[in-house]
């Protein structure tokens, strides 16, 4: 590895580079630790956008229809109703009102 200084938009950064051969083209980097994935037993309903949960519209044990609003997520000052992607009984609610969510986070699980 060699250290270099790089100037970007007037700011100086120090970087380390590793030489690779043309045929290799691979740099071994330390593996990032992945967060353990929570198992989903059923049909997950995920949020299509990152934001803040304003309301959870369902309760555990409730039977809901496809298209029914399960939660409201605020993103960029807009309220987005998240519909159920299938019908079924709500067996798990993974978020609470006020929680921050990322794109594709599981909101509820249906059985």
PDB file of N, CA and C in Angstrom:
ATOM      1  N   UNK A   1       0.843  -1.171   0.000  1.00  0.00           N
ATOM      2  CA  UNK A   1       0.000   0.000   0.000  1.00  0.00           C
ATOM      3  C   UNK A   1       0.887   1.232   0.000  1.00  0.00           C
ATOM      4  N   UNK A   2       0.445   2.216  -0.759  1.00  0.00           N
ATOM      5  CA  UNK A   2       1.154   3.492  -0.799  1.00  0.00           C
ATOM      6  C   UNK A   2       0.183   4.584  -0.391  1.00  0.00           C
ATOM      7  N   UNK A   3       0.710   5.571   0.324  1.00  0.00           N
ATOM      8  CA  UNK A   3      -0.102   6.701   0.743  1.00  0.00           C
ATOM      9  C   UNK A   3       0.102   7.839  -0.245  1.00  0.00           C
ATOM     10  N   UNK A   4      -1.021   8.492  -0.578  1.00  0.00           N
ATOM     11  CA  UNK A   4      -0.991   9.630  -1.482  1.00  0.00           C
ATOM     12  C   UNK A   4      -1.848  10.732  -0.882  1.00  0.00           C
ATOM     13  N   UNK A   5      -1.548  11.968  -1.284  1.00  0.00           N
ATOM     14  CA  UNK A   5      -2.388  13.095  -0.928  1.00  0.00           C
ATOM     15  C   UNK A   5      -3.119  13.521  -2.190  1.00  0.00           C
ATOM     16  N   UNK A   6      -4.424  13.745  -2.040  1.00  0.00           N
ATOM     17  CA  UNK A   6      -5.266  14.120  -3.166  1.00  0.00           C
ATOM     18  C   UNK A   6      -5.985  15.406  -2.799  1.00  0.00           C
ATOM     19  N   UNK A   7      -6.005  16.349  -3.753  1.00  0.00           N
ATOM     20  CA  UNK A   7      -6.686  17.617  -3.516  1.00  0.00           C
ATOM     21  C   UNK A   7      -7.993  17.610  -4.313  1.00  0.00           C
ATOM     22  N   UNK A   8      -9.119  17.772  -3.602  1.00  0.00           N
ATOM     23  CA  UNK A   8     -10.434  17.779  -4.226  1.00  0.00           C
ATOM     24  C   UNK A   8     -11.158  19.038  -3.779  1.00  0.00           C
ATOM     25  N   UNK A   9     -11.532  19.871  -4.738  1.00  0.00           N
ATOM     26  CA  UNK A   9     -12.232  21.129  -4.442  1.00  0.00           C
ATOM     27  C   UNK A   9     -11.519  21.941  -3.373  1.00  0.00           C
ATOM     28  N   UNK A  10     -10.197  21.990  -3.450  1.00  0.00           N
ATOM     29  CA  UNK A  10      -9.421  22.792  -2.525  1.00  0.00           C
ATOM     30  C   UNK A  10      -9.127  22.128  -1.190  1.00  0.00           C
ATOM     31  N   UNK A  11      -9.691  20.933  -0.947  1.00  0.00           N
ATOM     32  CA  UNK A  11      -9.444  20.215   0.304  1.00  0.00           C
ATOM     33  C   UNK A  11      -8.467  19.078   0.036  1.00  0.00           C
ATOM     34  N   UNK A  12      -7.545  18.852   0.962  1.00  0.00           N
ATOM     35  CA  UNK A  12      -6.535  17.809   0.804  1.00  0.00           C
ATOM     36  C   UNK A  12      -6.937  16.591   1.628  1.00  0.00           C
ATOM     37  N   UNK A  13      -6.923  15.420   0.979  1.00  0.00           N
ATOM     38  CA  UNK A  13      -7.241  14.157   1.626  1.00  0.00           C
ATOM     39  C   UNK A  13      -6.056  13.220   1.480  1.00  0.00           C
ATOM     40  N   UNK A  14      -5.819  12.401   2.501  1.00  0.00           N
ATOM     41  CA  UNK A  14      -4.767  11.392   2.430  1.00  0.00           C
ATOM     42  C   UNK A  14      -5.450  10.048   2.159  1.00  0.00           C
ATOM     43  N   UNK A  15      -4.996   9.353   1.118  1.00  0.00           N
ATOM     44  CA  UNK A  15      -5.587   8.063   0.760  1.00  0.00           C
ATOM     45  C   UNK A  15      -4.498   7.012   0.664  1.00  0.00           C
ATOM     46  N   UNK A  16      -4.893   5.751   0.853  1.00  0.00           N
ATOM     47  CA  UNK A  16      -3.978   4.628   0.676  1.00  0.00           C
ATOM     48  C   UNK A  16      -4.459   3.818  -0.517  1.00  0.00           C
ATOM     49  N   UNK A  17      -3.529   3.489  -1.407  1.00  0.00           N
ATOM     50  CA  UNK A  17      -3.862   2.705  -2.593  1.00  0.00           C
ATOM     51  C   UNK A  17      -3.023   1.440  -2.620  1.00  0.00           C
ATOM     52  N   UNK A  18      -3.634   0.370  -3.096  1.00  0.00           N
ATOM     53  CA  UNK A  18      -2.934  -0.899  -3.245  1.00  0.00           C
ATOM     54  C   UNK A  18      -2.828  -1.194  -4.732  1.00  0.00           C
ATOM     55  N   UNK A  19      -1.633  -1.543  -5.170  1.00  0.00           N
ATOM     56  CA  UNK A  19      -1.434  -1.877  -6.572  1.00  0.00           C
ATOM     57  C   UNK A  19      -2.014  -3.260  -6.849  1.00  0.00           C
ATOM     58  N   UNK A  20      -2.670  -3.404  -7.996  1.00  0.00           N
ATOM     59  CA  UNK A  20      -3.213  -4.701  -8.410  1.00  0.00           C
ATOM     60  C   UNK A  20      -2.750  -4.978  -9.829  1.00  0.00           C
ATOM     61  N   UNK A  21      -2.727  -6.236 -10.188  1.00  0.00           N
ATOM     62  CA  UNK A  21      -2.361  -6.580 -11.558  1.00  0.00           C
ATOM     63  C   UNK A  21      -3.587  -6.491 -12.437  1.00  0.00           C
ATOM     64  N   UNK A  22      -3.376  -6.369 -13.739  1.00  0.00           N
ATOM     65  CA  UNK A  22      -4.494  -6.282 -14.667  1.00  0.00           C
ATOM     66  C   UNK A  22      -5.368  -7.517 -14.622  1.00  0.00           C
ATOM     67  N   UNK A  23      -4.770  -8.667 -14.460  1.00  0.00           N
ATOM     68  CA  UNK A  23      -5.550  -9.900 -14.462  1.00  0.00           C
ATOM     69  C   UNK A  23      -6.302 -10.102 -13.148  1.00  0.00           C
ATOM     70  N   UNK A  24      -5.799  -9.507 -12.060  1.00  0.00           N
ATOM     71  CA  UNK A  24      -6.433  -9.693 -10.761  1.00  0.00           C
ATOM     72  C   UNK A  24      -7.605  -8.735 -10.593  1.00  0.00           C
ATOM     73  N   UNK A  25      -7.328  -7.460 -10.524  1.00  0.00           N
ATOM     74  CA  UNK A  25      -8.370  -6.449 -10.419  1.00  0.00           C
ATOM     75  C   UNK A  25      -9.169  -6.504  -9.139  1.00  0.00           C
ATOM     76  N   UNK A  26      -8.672  -7.182  -8.113  1.00  0.00           N
ATOM     77  CA  UNK A  26      -9.420  -7.339  -6.873  1.00  0.00           C
ATOM     78  C   UNK A  26      -8.588  -6.827  -5.701  1.00  0.00           C
ATOM     79  N   UNK A  27      -9.222  -6.039  -4.855  1.00  0.00           N
ATOM     80  CA  UNK A  27      -8.565  -5.560  -3.647  1.00  0.00           C
ATOM     81  C   UNK A  27      -9.295  -6.172  -2.469  1.00  0.00           C
ATOM     82  N   UNK A  28      -8.556  -6.841  -1.605  1.00  0.00           N
ATOM     83  CA  UNK A  28      -9.164  -7.425  -0.419  1.00  0.00           C
ATOM     84  C   UNK A  28      -9.369  -6.334   0.616  1.00  0.00           C
ATOM     85  N   UNK A  29     -10.618  -6.111   0.958  1.00  0.00           N
ATOM     86  CA  UNK A  29     -10.958  -5.128   1.976  1.00  0.00           C
ATOM     87  C   UNK A  29     -11.508  -5.867   3.182  1.00  0.00           C
ATOM     88  N   UNK A  30     -11.374  -5.282   4.351  1.00  0.00           N
ATOM     89  CA  UNK A  30     -11.947  -5.940   5.518  1.00  0.00           C
ATOM     90  C   UNK A  30     -13.451  -6.079   5.349  1.00  0.00           C
ATOM     91  N   UNK A  31     -13.977  -7.220   5.708  1.00  0.00           N
ATOM     92  CA  UNK A  31     -15.410  -7.468   5.556  1.00  0.00           C
ATOM     93  C   UNK A  31     -16.183  -6.627   6.555  1.00  0.00           C
ATOM     94  N   UNK A  32     -17.209  -5.964   6.048  1.00  0.00           N
ATOM     95  CA  UNK A  32     -18.066  -5.179   6.929  1.00  0.00           C
ATOM     96  C   UNK A  32     -19.009  -6.120   7.658  1.00  0.00           C
ATOM     97  N   UNK A  33     -19.247  -5.818   8.906  1.00  0.00           N
ATOM     98  CA  UNK A  33     -20.162  -6.655   9.674  1.00  0.00           C
ATOM     99  C   UNK A  33     -21.581  -6.294   9.293  1.00  0.00           C
ATOM    100  N   UNK A  34     -22.328  -7.287   8.854  1.00  0.00           N
ATOM    101  CA  UNK A  34     -23.719  -7.065   8.482  1.00  0.00           C
ATOM    102  C   UNK A  34     -24.591  -7.204   9.718  1.00  0.00           C
ATOM    103  N   UNK A  35     -25.599  -6.367   9.760  1.00  0.00           N
ATOM    104  CA  UNK A  35     -26.541  -6.470  10.872  1.00  0.00           C
ATOM    105  C   UNK A  35     -27.330  -7.757  10.706  1.00  0.00           C
ATOM    106  N   UNK A  36     -27.611  -8.446  11.788  1.00  0.00           N
ATOM    107  CA  UNK A  36     -28.362  -9.685  11.662  1.00  0.00           C
ATOM    108  C   UNK A  36     -29.753  -9.402  11.123  1.00  0.00           C
ATOM    109  N   UNK A  37     -30.151 -10.146  10.114  1.00  0.00           N
ATOM    110  CA  UNK A  37     -31.463  -9.959   9.517  1.00  0.00           C
ATOM    111  C   UNK A  37     -32.512 -10.625  10.394  1.00  0.00           C
ATOM    112  N   UNK A  38     -33.558  -9.891  10.652  1.00  0.00           N
ATOM    113  CA  UNK A  38     -34.641 -10.456  11.448  1.00  0.00           C
ATOM    114  C   UNK A  38     -35.449 -11.387  10.552  1.00  0.00           C
ATOM    115  N   UNK A  39     -35.685 -12.578  11.021  1.00  0.00           N
ATOM    116  CA  UNK A  39     -36.434 -13.560  10.242  1.00  0.00           C
ATOM    117  C   UNK A  39     -37.871 -13.100  10.080  1.00  0.00           C
ATOM    118  N   UNK A  40     -38.407 -13.319   8.891  1.00  0.00           N
ATOM    119  CA  UNK A  40     -39.784 -12.964   8.615  1.00  0.00           C
ATOM    120  C   UNK A  40     -40.525 -14.245   8.283  1.00  0.00           C
ATOM    121  N   UNK A  41     -41.448 -14.643   9.168  1.00  0.00           N
ATOM    122  CA  UNK A  41     -42.281 -15.807   8.917  1.00  0.00           C
ATOM    123  C   UNK A  41     -43.647 -15.306   8.504  1.00  0.00           C
ATOM    124  N   UNK A  42     -43.848 -15.144   7.210  1.00  0.00           N
ATOM    125  CA  UNK A  42     -45.094 -14.610   6.692  1.00  0.00           C
ATOM    126  C   UNK A  42     -44.802 -13.668   5.548  1.00  0.00           C
ATOM    127  N   UNK A  43     -45.779 -12.836   5.230  1.00  0.00           N
ATOM    128  CA  UNK A  43     -45.646 -11.873   4.138  1.00  0.00           C
ATOM    129  C   UNK A  43     -45.314 -10.505   4.716  1.00  0.00           C
ATOM    130  N   UNK A  44     -44.109  -9.991   4.439  1.00  0.00           N
ATOM    131  CA  UNK A  44     -43.760  -8.675   4.978  1.00  0.00           C
ATOM    132  C   UNK A  44     -44.375  -7.546   4.152  1.00  0.00           C
ATOM    133  N   UNK A  45     -44.757  -6.483   4.832  1.00  0.00           N
ATOM    134  CA  UNK A  45     -45.168  -5.248   4.162  1.00  0.00           C
ATOM    135  C   UNK A  45     -44.049  -4.257   4.460  1.00  0.00           C
ATOM    136  N   UNK A  46     -43.381  -3.774   3.402  1.00  0.00           N
ATOM    137  CA  UNK A  46     -42.215  -2.907   3.566  1.00  0.00           C
ATOM    138  C   UNK A  46     -42.536  -1.482   3.161  1.00  0.00           C
ATOM    139  N   UNK A  47     -41.753  -0.556   3.693  1.00  0.00           N
ATOM    140  CA  UNK A  47     -41.928   0.842   3.327  1.00  0.00           C
ATOM    141  C   UNK A  47     -41.180   1.123   2.022  1.00  0.00           C
ATOM    142  N   UNK A  48     -41.801   1.835   1.100  1.00  0.00           N
ATOM    143  CA  UNK A  48     -41.152   2.131  -0.182  1.00  0.00           C
ATOM    144  C   UNK A  48     -40.238   3.348  -0.124  1.00  0.00           C
ATOM    145  N   UNK A  49     -40.139   3.965   1.057  1.00  0.00           N
ATOM    146  CA  UNK A  49     -39.371   5.201   1.167  1.00  0.00           C
ATOM    147  C   UNK A  49     -38.864   5.360   2.602  1.00  0.00           C
ATOM    148  N   UNK A  50     -37.733   6.014   2.749  1.00  0.00           N
ATOM    149  CA  UNK A  50     -37.208   6.294   4.082  1.00  0.00           C
ATOM    150  C   UNK A  50     -37.944   7.488   4.669  1.00  0.00           C
ATOM    151  N   UNK A  51     -38.149   7.468   5.976  1.00  0.00           N
ATOM    152  CA  UNK A  51     -38.827   8.588   6.602  1.00  0.00           C
ATOM    153  C   UNK A  51     -39.142   8.301   8.051  1.00  0.00           C
ATOM    154  N   UNK A  52     -40.205   8.948   8.538  1.00  0.00           N
ATOM    155  CA  UNK A  52     -40.634   8.817   9.931  1.00  0.00           C
ATOM    156  C   UNK A  52     -42.052   8.267   9.954  1.00  0.00           C
ATOM    157  N   UNK A  53     -42.295   7.283  10.800  1.00  0.00           N
ATOM    158  CA  UNK A  53     -43.628   6.689  10.914  1.00  0.00           C
ATOM    159  C   UNK A  53     -44.524   7.657  11.679  1.00  0.00           C
ATOM    160  N   UNK A  54     -45.567   8.143  10.999  1.00  0.00           N
ATOM    161  CA  UNK A  54     -46.512   9.052  11.640  1.00  0.00           C
ATOM    162  C   UNK A  54     -47.631   8.292  12.339  1.00  0.00           C
ATOM    163  N   UNK A  55     -48.010   7.132  11.786  1.00  0.00           N
ATOM    164  CA  UNK A  55     -49.105   6.366  12.363  1.00  0.00           C
ATOM    165  C   UNK A  55     -49.041   4.921  11.894  1.00  0.00           C
ATOM    166  N   UNK A  56     -49.433   4.014  12.763  1.00  0.00           N
ATOM    167  CA  UNK A  56     -49.589   2.603  12.413  1.00  0.00           C
ATOM    168  C   UNK A  56     -51.088   2.354  12.446  1.00  0.00           C
ATOM    169  N   UNK A  57     -51.662   1.947  11.325  1.00  0.00           N
ATOM    170  CA  UNK A  57     -53.109   1.861  11.162  1.00  0.00           C
ATOM    171  C   UNK A  57     -53.699   0.482  11.455  1.00  0.00           C
ATOM    172  N   UNK A  58     -52.857  -0.500  11.836  1.00  0.00           N
ATOM    173  CA  UNK A  58     -53.358  -1.858  12.078  1.00  0.00           C
ATOM    174  C   UNK A  58     -52.938  -2.335  13.462  1.00  0.00           C
ATOM    175  N   UNK A  59     -53.584  -3.412  13.904  1.00  0.00           N
ATOM    176  CA  UNK A  59     -53.263  -4.011  15.193  1.00  0.00           C
ATOM    177  C   UNK A  59     -52.980  -5.501  14.985  1.00  0.00           C
ATOM    178  N   UNK A  60     -52.184  -6.084  15.878  1.00  0.00           N
ATOM    179  CA  UNK A  60     -51.903  -7.516  15.801  1.00  0.00           C
ATOM    180  C   UNK A  60     -53.214  -8.277  15.955  1.00  0.00           C
ATOM    181  N   UNK A  61     -53.380  -9.287  15.094  1.00  0.00           N
ATOM    182  CA  UNK A  61     -54.590 -10.103  15.109  1.00  0.00           C
ATOM    183  C   UNK A  61     -55.655  -9.618  14.144  1.00  0.00           C
ATOM    184  N   UNK A  62     -55.516  -8.394  13.641  1.00  0.00           N
ATOM    185  CA  UNK A  62     -56.493  -7.832  12.711  1.00  0.00           C
ATOM    186  C   UNK A  62     -56.322  -8.462  11.328  1.00  0.00           C
ATOM    187  N   UNK A  63     -57.435  -8.760  10.648  1.00  0.00           N
ATOM    188  CA  UNK A  63     -57.390  -9.286   9.285  1.00  0.00           C
ATOM    189  C   UNK A  63     -57.522  -8.097   8.344  1.00  0.00           C
ATOM    190  N   UNK A  64     -56.565  -7.942   7.432  1.00  0.00           N
ATOM    191  CA  UNK A  64     -56.605  -6.803   6.514  1.00  0.00           C
ATOM    192  C   UNK A  64     -56.640  -7.272   5.069  1.00  0.00           C
ATOM    193  N   UNK A  65     -57.112  -6.392   4.209  1.00  0.00           N
ATOM    194  CA  UNK A  65     -57.223  -6.684   2.780  1.00  0.00           C
ATOM    195  C   UNK A  65     -56.061  -6.059   2.020  1.00  0.00           C
ATOM    196  N   UNK A  66     -55.774  -6.609   0.849  1.00  0.00           N
ATOM    197  CA  UNK A  66     -54.735  -6.059  -0.018  1.00  0.00           C
ATOM    198  C   UNK A  66     -55.118  -4.624  -0.373  1.00  0.00           C
ATOM    199  N   UNK A  67     -54.168  -3.708  -0.240  1.00  0.00           N
ATOM    200  CA  UNK A  67     -54.406  -2.308  -0.555  1.00  0.00           C
ATOM    201  C   UNK A  67     -54.790  -1.461   0.642  1.00  0.00           C
ATOM    202  N   UNK A  68     -55.147  -2.102   1.752  1.00  0.00           N
ATOM    203  CA  UNK A  68     -55.506  -1.371   2.965  1.00  0.00           C
ATOM    204  C   UNK A  68     -54.263  -0.699   3.534  1.00  0.00           C
ATOM    205  N   UNK A  69     -54.397   0.525   4.024  1.00  0.00           N
ATOM    206  CA  UNK A  69     -53.268   1.262   4.598  1.00  0.00           C
ATOM    207  C   UNK A  69     -52.847   0.622   5.913  1.00  0.00           C
ATOM    208  N   UNK A  70     -51.547   0.282   6.010  1.00  0.00           N
ATOM    209  CA  UNK A  70     -51.029  -0.301   7.249  1.00  0.00           C
ATOM    210  C   UNK A  70     -50.269   0.727   8.086  1.00  0.00           C
ATOM    211  N   UNK A  71     -49.710   1.740   7.429  1.00  0.00           N
ATOM    212  CA  UNK A  71     -48.965   2.775   8.143  1.00  0.00           C
ATOM    213  C   UNK A  71     -48.877   4.029   7.285  1.00  0.00           C
ATOM    214  N   UNK A  72     -48.548   5.138   7.944  1.00  0.00           N
ATOM    215  CA  UNK A  72     -48.315   6.402   7.246  1.00  0.00           C
ATOM    216  C   UNK A  72     -46.888   6.816   7.556  1.00  0.00           C
ATOM    217  N   UNK A  73     -46.095   7.041   6.483  1.00  0.00           N
ATOM    218  CA  UNK A  73     -44.692   7.413   6.629  1.00  0.00           C
ATOM    219  C   UNK A  73     -44.484   8.799   6.023  1.00  0.00           C
ATOM    220  N   UNK A  74     -43.890   9.702   6.813  1.00  0.00           N
ATOM    221  CA  UNK A  74     -43.593  11.049   6.330  1.00  0.00           C
ATOM    222  C   UNK A  74     -42.196  11.063   5.734  1.00  0.00           C
ATOM    223  N   UNK A  75     -42.096  11.585   4.521  1.00  0.00           N
ATOM    224  CA  UNK A  75     -40.802  11.751   3.858  1.00  0.00           C
ATOM    225  C   UNK A  75     -40.842  13.069   3.104  1.00  0.00           C
ATOM    226  N   UNK A  76     -39.879  13.909   3.361  1.00  0.00           N
ATOM    227  CA  UNK A  76     -39.770  15.207   2.695  1.00  0.00           C
ATOM    228  C   UNK A  76     -41.060  16.019   2.826  1.00  0.00           C
ATOM    229  N   UNK A  77     -41.623  16.028   4.034  1.00  0.00           N
ATOM    230  CA  UNK A  77     -42.828  16.791   4.386  1.00  0.00           C
ATOM    231  C   UNK A  77     -44.096  16.259   3.708  1.00  0.00           C
ATOM    232  N   UNK A  78     -44.030  15.081   3.108  1.00  0.00           N
ATOM    233  CA  UNK A  78     -45.208  14.479   2.490  1.00  0.00           C
ATOM    234  C   UNK A  78     -45.602  13.229   3.272  1.00  0.00           C
ATOM    235  N   UNK A  79     -46.906  13.035   3.463  1.00  0.00           N
ATOM    236  CA  UNK A  79     -47.403  11.847   4.136  1.00  0.00           C
ATOM    237  C   UNK A  79     -47.687  10.775   3.097  1.00  0.00           C
ATOM    238  N   UNK A  80     -47.064   9.615   3.255  1.00  0.00           N
ATOM    239  CA  UNK A  80     -47.215   8.510   2.320  1.00  0.00           C
ATOM    240  C   UNK A  80     -47.926   7.354   3.009  1.00  0.00           C
ATOM    241  N   UNK A  81     -49.095   6.975   2.486  1.00  0.00           N
ATOM    242  CA  UNK A  81     -49.809   5.829   3.023  1.00  0.00           C
ATOM    243  C   UNK A  81     -49.193   4.572   2.439  1.00  0.00           C
ATOM    244  N   UNK A  82     -48.818   3.628   3.301  1.00  0.00           N
ATOM    245  CA  UNK A  82     -48.207   2.380   2.853  1.00  0.00           C
ATOM    246  C   UNK A  82     -49.293   1.302   2.840  1.00  0.00           C
ATOM    247  N   UNK A  83     -49.633   0.783   1.636  1.00  0.00           N
ATOM    248  CA  UNK A  83     -50.699  -0.218   1.539  1.00  0.00           C
ATOM    249  C   UNK A  83     -50.171  -1.640   1.741  1.00  0.00           C
ATOM    250  N   UNK A  84     -51.065  -2.519   2.187  1.00  0.00           N
ATOM    251  CA  UNK A  84     -50.736  -3.933   2.311  1.00  0.00           C
ATOM    252  C   UNK A  84     -50.563  -4.505   0.904  1.00  0.00           C
ATOM    253  N   UNK A  85     -49.563  -5.330   0.725  1.00  0.00           N
ATOM    254  CA  UNK A  85     -49.292  -5.931  -0.587  1.00  0.00           C
ATOM    255  C   UNK A  85     -50.013  -7.256  -0.760  1.00  0.00           C
ATOM    256  N   UNK A  86     -50.666  -7.711   0.308  1.00  0.00           N
ATOM    257  CA  UNK A  86     -51.434  -8.960   0.273  1.00  0.00           C
ATOM    258  C   UNK A  86     -52.491  -8.859   1.356  1.00  0.00           C
ATOM    259  N   UNK A  87     -53.401  -9.822   1.367  1.00  0.00           N
ATOM    260  CA  UNK A  87     -54.359  -9.839   2.470  1.00  0.00           C
ATOM    261  C   UNK A  87     -53.935 -10.897   3.467  1.00  0.00           C
ATOM    262  N   UNK A  88     -54.338 -10.705   4.695  1.00  0.00           N
ATOM    263  CA  UNK A  88     -53.994 -11.670   5.718  1.00  0.00           C
ATOM    264  C   UNK A  88     -54.135 -11.094   7.103  1.00  0.00           C
ATOM    265  N   UNK A  89     -53.764 -11.896   8.081  1.00  0.00           N
ATOM    266  CA  UNK A  89     -53.845 -11.521   9.489  1.00  0.00           C
ATOM    267  C   UNK A  89     -52.518 -10.893   9.902  1.00  0.00           C
ATOM    268  N   UNK A  90     -52.574  -9.774  10.618  1.00  0.00           N
ATOM    269  CA  UNK A  90     -51.368  -9.109  11.101  1.00  0.00           C
ATOM    270  C   UNK A  90     -50.818  -9.937  12.267  1.00  0.00           C
ATOM    271  N   UNK A  91     -49.600 -10.487  12.074  1.00  0.00           N
ATOM    272  CA  UNK A  91     -48.987 -11.316  13.116  1.00  0.00           C
ATOM    273  C   UNK A  91     -47.825 -10.616  13.809  1.00  0.00           C
ATOM    274  N   UNK A  92     -47.308  -9.541  13.214  1.00  0.00           N
ATOM    275  CA  UNK A  92     -46.197  -8.820  13.832  1.00  0.00           C
ATOM    276  C   UNK A  92     -46.191  -7.388  13.323  1.00  0.00           C
ATOM    277  N   UNK A  93     -45.941  -6.454  14.232  1.00  0.00           N
ATOM    278  CA  UNK A  93     -45.763  -5.049  13.871  1.00  0.00           C
ATOM    279  C   UNK A  93     -44.346  -4.692  14.271  1.00  0.00           C
ATOM    280  N   UNK A  94     -43.525  -4.286  13.286  1.00  0.00           N
ATOM    281  CA  UNK A  94     -42.098  -4.065  13.517  1.00  0.00           C
ATOM    282  C   UNK A  94     -41.721  -2.619  13.791  1.00  0.00           C
ATOM    283  N   UNK A  95     -42.688  -1.681  13.726  1.00  0.00           N
ATOM    284  CA  UNK A  95     -42.387  -0.261  13.929  1.00  0.00           C
ATOM    285  C   UNK A  95     -43.371   0.350  14.923  1.00  0.00           C
ATOM    286  N   UNK A  96     -43.012   1.511  15.420  1.00  0.00           N
ATOM    287  CA  UNK A  96     -43.899   2.266  16.296  1.00  0.00           C
ATOM    288  C   UNK A  96     -44.019   3.687  15.765  1.00  0.00           C
ATOM    289  N   UNK A  97     -45.044   4.360  16.217  1.00  0.00           N
ATOM    290  CA  UNK A  97     -45.256   5.749  15.836  1.00  0.00           C
ATOM    291  C   UNK A  97     -44.034   6.560  16.256  1.00  0.00           C
ATOM    292  N   UNK A  98     -43.499   7.376  15.340  1.00  0.00           N
ATOM    293  CA  UNK A  98     -42.334   8.211  15.619  1.00  0.00           C
ATOM    294  C   UNK A  98     -41.011   7.584  15.224  1.00  0.00           C
ATOM    295  N   UNK A  99     -41.027   6.292  14.867  1.00  0.00           N
ATOM    296  CA  UNK A  99     -39.785   5.597  14.508  1.00  0.00           C
ATOM    297  C   UNK A  99     -39.279   6.047  13.141  1.00  0.00           C
ATOM    298  N   UNK A 100     -37.970   6.084  12.995  1.00  0.00           N
ATOM    299  CA  UNK A 100     -37.353   6.364  11.699  1.00  0.00           C
ATOM    300  C   UNK A 100     -37.216   5.037  10.952  1.00  0.00           C
ATOM    301  N   UNK A 101     -37.550   5.037   9.662  1.00  0.00           N
ATOM    302  CA  UNK A 101     -37.441   3.826   8.852  1.00  0.00           C
ATOM    303  C   UNK A 101     -36.633   4.110   7.592  1.00  0.00           C
ATOM    304  N   UNK A 102     -35.969   3.074   7.111  1.00  0.00           N
ATOM    305  CA  UNK A 102     -35.227   3.153   5.859  1.00  0.00           C
ATOM    306  C   UNK A 102     -36.052   2.525   4.751  1.00  0.00           C
ATOM    307  N   UNK A 103     -35.679   2.797   3.523  1.00  0.00           N
ATOM    308  CA  UNK A 103     -36.335   2.193   2.372  1.00  0.00           C
ATOM    309  C   UNK A 103     -36.273   0.666   2.499  1.00  0.00           C
ATOM    310  N   UNK A 104     -37.393   0.007   2.294  1.00  0.00           N
ATOM    311  CA  UNK A 104     -37.548  -1.443   2.331  1.00  0.00           C
ATOM    312  C   UNK A 104     -37.487  -2.058   3.728  1.00  0.00           C
ATOM    313  N   UNK A 105     -37.614  -1.255   4.783  1.00  0.00           N
ATOM    314  CA  UNK A 105     -37.737  -1.801   6.136  1.00  0.00           C
ATOM    315  C   UNK A 105     -39.101  -2.468   6.269  1.00  0.00           C
ATOM    316  N   UNK A 106     -39.157  -3.563   7.028  1.00  0.00           N
ATOM    317  CA  UNK A 106     -40.415  -4.265   7.262  1.00  0.00           C
ATOM    318  C   UNK A 106     -41.226  -3.486   8.293  1.00  0.00           C
ATOM    319  N   UNK A 107     -42.469  -3.164   7.919  1.00  0.00           N
ATOM    320  CA  UNK A 107     -43.369  -2.455   8.828  1.00  0.00           C
ATOM    321  C   UNK A 107     -44.210  -3.446   9.616  1.00  0.00           C
ATOM    322  N   UNK A 108     -44.902  -4.337   8.882  1.00  0.00           N
ATOM    323  CA  UNK A 108     -45.738  -5.365   9.498  1.00  0.00           C
ATOM    324  C   UNK A 108     -45.555  -6.669   8.760  1.00  0.00           C
ATOM    325  N   UNK A 109     -45.936  -7.772   9.425  1.00  0.00           N
ATOM    326  CA  UNK A 109     -45.871  -9.096   8.817  1.00  0.00           C
ATOM    327  C   UNK A 109     -47.275  -9.692   8.840  1.00  0.00           C
ATOM    328  N   UNK A 110     -47.680 -10.242   7.701  1.00  0.00           N
ATOM    329  CA  UNK A 110     -49.001 -10.865   7.562  1.00  0.00           C
ATOM    330  C   UNK A 110     -48.857 -12.374   7.445  1.00  0.00           C
ATOM    331  N   UNK A 111     -49.857 -13.087   7.942  1.00  0.00           N
ATOM    332  CA  UNK A 111     -49.854 -14.545   7.806  1.00  0.00           C
ATOM    333  C   UNK A 111     -51.053 -14.955   6.974  1.00  0.00           C
TER     334      UNK A 111
END
